[in-house]
Protein backbone atom coordinates (compact mmCIF):
# COMPACT_ATOMS: atom_id res chain seq x y z
CA MET A 1 -79.46 58.28 139.15
CA ASN A 2 -76.08 58.27 137.37
CA GLU A 3 -76.40 55.90 134.42
CA ARG A 4 -73.68 55.34 132.14
CA ASN A 5 -74.08 54.22 128.59
CA TRP A 6 -70.79 52.58 127.78
CA GLY A 7 -69.18 49.20 127.99
CA GLY A 8 -71.03 45.85 128.24
CA LYS A 9 -73.03 44.08 125.49
CA ARG A 10 -74.74 46.10 122.76
CA LYS A 11 -76.92 44.87 120.13
CA GLY A 12 -74.74 45.30 116.67
CA ALA A 13 -71.41 45.84 118.52
CA GLY A 14 -68.45 43.81 117.89
CA ARG A 15 -66.70 42.01 114.88
CA LYS A 16 -69.15 40.46 112.45
CA LYS A 17 -68.95 36.51 112.14
CA GLY A 18 -67.71 35.63 108.82
CA ASN A 19 -68.42 32.36 106.83
CA THR A 20 -64.98 30.96 107.17
CA VAL A 21 -64.77 28.21 110.14
CA TYR A 22 -61.11 28.24 111.62
CA LYS A 23 -59.53 25.39 113.49
CA THR A 24 -56.52 25.52 115.58
CA ILE A 25 -53.49 23.27 115.01
CA SER A 26 -50.22 22.74 117.18
CA VAL A 27 -46.96 22.75 115.31
CA SER A 28 -43.74 21.88 117.05
CA LEU A 29 -40.34 23.18 115.50
CA PRO A 30 -37.02 23.92 116.89
CA GLU A 31 -36.75 27.51 118.30
CA SER A 32 -34.30 28.56 115.46
CA GLU A 33 -36.94 27.67 112.86
CA LEU A 34 -39.91 29.37 114.79
CA GLU A 35 -37.83 32.42 114.96
CA ILE A 36 -37.18 32.46 111.15
CA LEU A 37 -40.98 31.72 110.38
CA GLN A 38 -42.14 34.58 112.70
CA GLU A 39 -39.45 37.01 111.19
CA ALA A 40 -40.69 36.07 107.71
CA ALA A 41 -44.25 36.60 108.48
CA LYS A 42 -43.57 39.94 110.08
CA ARG A 43 -41.61 41.00 107.20
CA GLN A 44 -44.47 40.36 104.98
CA ASN A 45 -46.90 41.94 107.44
CA MET A 46 -48.76 38.75 108.09
CA THR A 47 -49.70 36.54 111.05
CA VAL A 48 -47.68 33.13 111.06
CA SER A 49 -51.10 31.54 110.11
CA ARG A 50 -51.47 33.53 107.06
CA PHE A 51 -47.96 33.38 106.03
CA ILE A 52 -48.04 29.27 106.14
CA SER A 53 -51.26 29.29 104.28
CA LYS A 54 -49.93 31.70 101.52
CA TYR A 55 -46.71 29.97 101.02
CA LEU A 56 -47.96 26.34 101.07
CA ARG A 57 -50.66 27.65 98.44
CA LEU A 58 -53.48 26.31 100.77
CA ASP A 59 -55.95 28.83 99.69
CA THR A 60 -55.41 27.94 95.90
CA ALA A 61 -55.61 24.13 96.86
CA ALA A 62 -58.95 24.93 98.85
CA GLN A 63 -60.48 26.79 95.98
CA ILE A 64 -59.71 24.09 93.24
CA LYS A 65 -61.26 21.52 95.67
CA LYS A 66 -64.25 23.63 96.10
CA GLU A 67 -64.55 24.28 92.15
CA LEU A 68 -64.11 20.49 91.54
CA GLU A 69 -66.77 19.71 94.07
CA ASN A 70 -69.14 22.11 92.55
CA SER A 71 -68.42 20.79 89.19
CA SER A 72 -69.06 17.02 90.09
CA LEU A 73 -72.37 18.19 91.68
CA ASN A 74 -73.34 19.84 88.42
CA ASP A 75 -72.35 16.87 86.39
CA ASN A 76 -74.40 14.62 88.73
CA PHE A 77 -77.42 17.02 88.36
CA ARG A 78 -77.11 17.01 84.58
CA SER A 79 -76.91 13.21 84.13
CA VAL A 80 -80.05 12.79 86.55
CA SER A 81 -81.97 15.59 84.66
CA ASP A 82 -81.15 14.25 81.12
């Protein structure tokens, strides 16, 4: 019997799932603007998605929102336990 042991599904193989859930959006741009966006992302060695997130500072906004939510939860917990 000539069994080969490569390819197919293997336990522990593949990219590990992260904690971040990604959603897809659609954006319509004129072709000239899309080319500019793609070139700018390429110059920064980024995907277009990462480029947009970075330059709109969405990662910073998300972190601030998370900290505020945690702060509010802690404040509510303190007022209940006092």
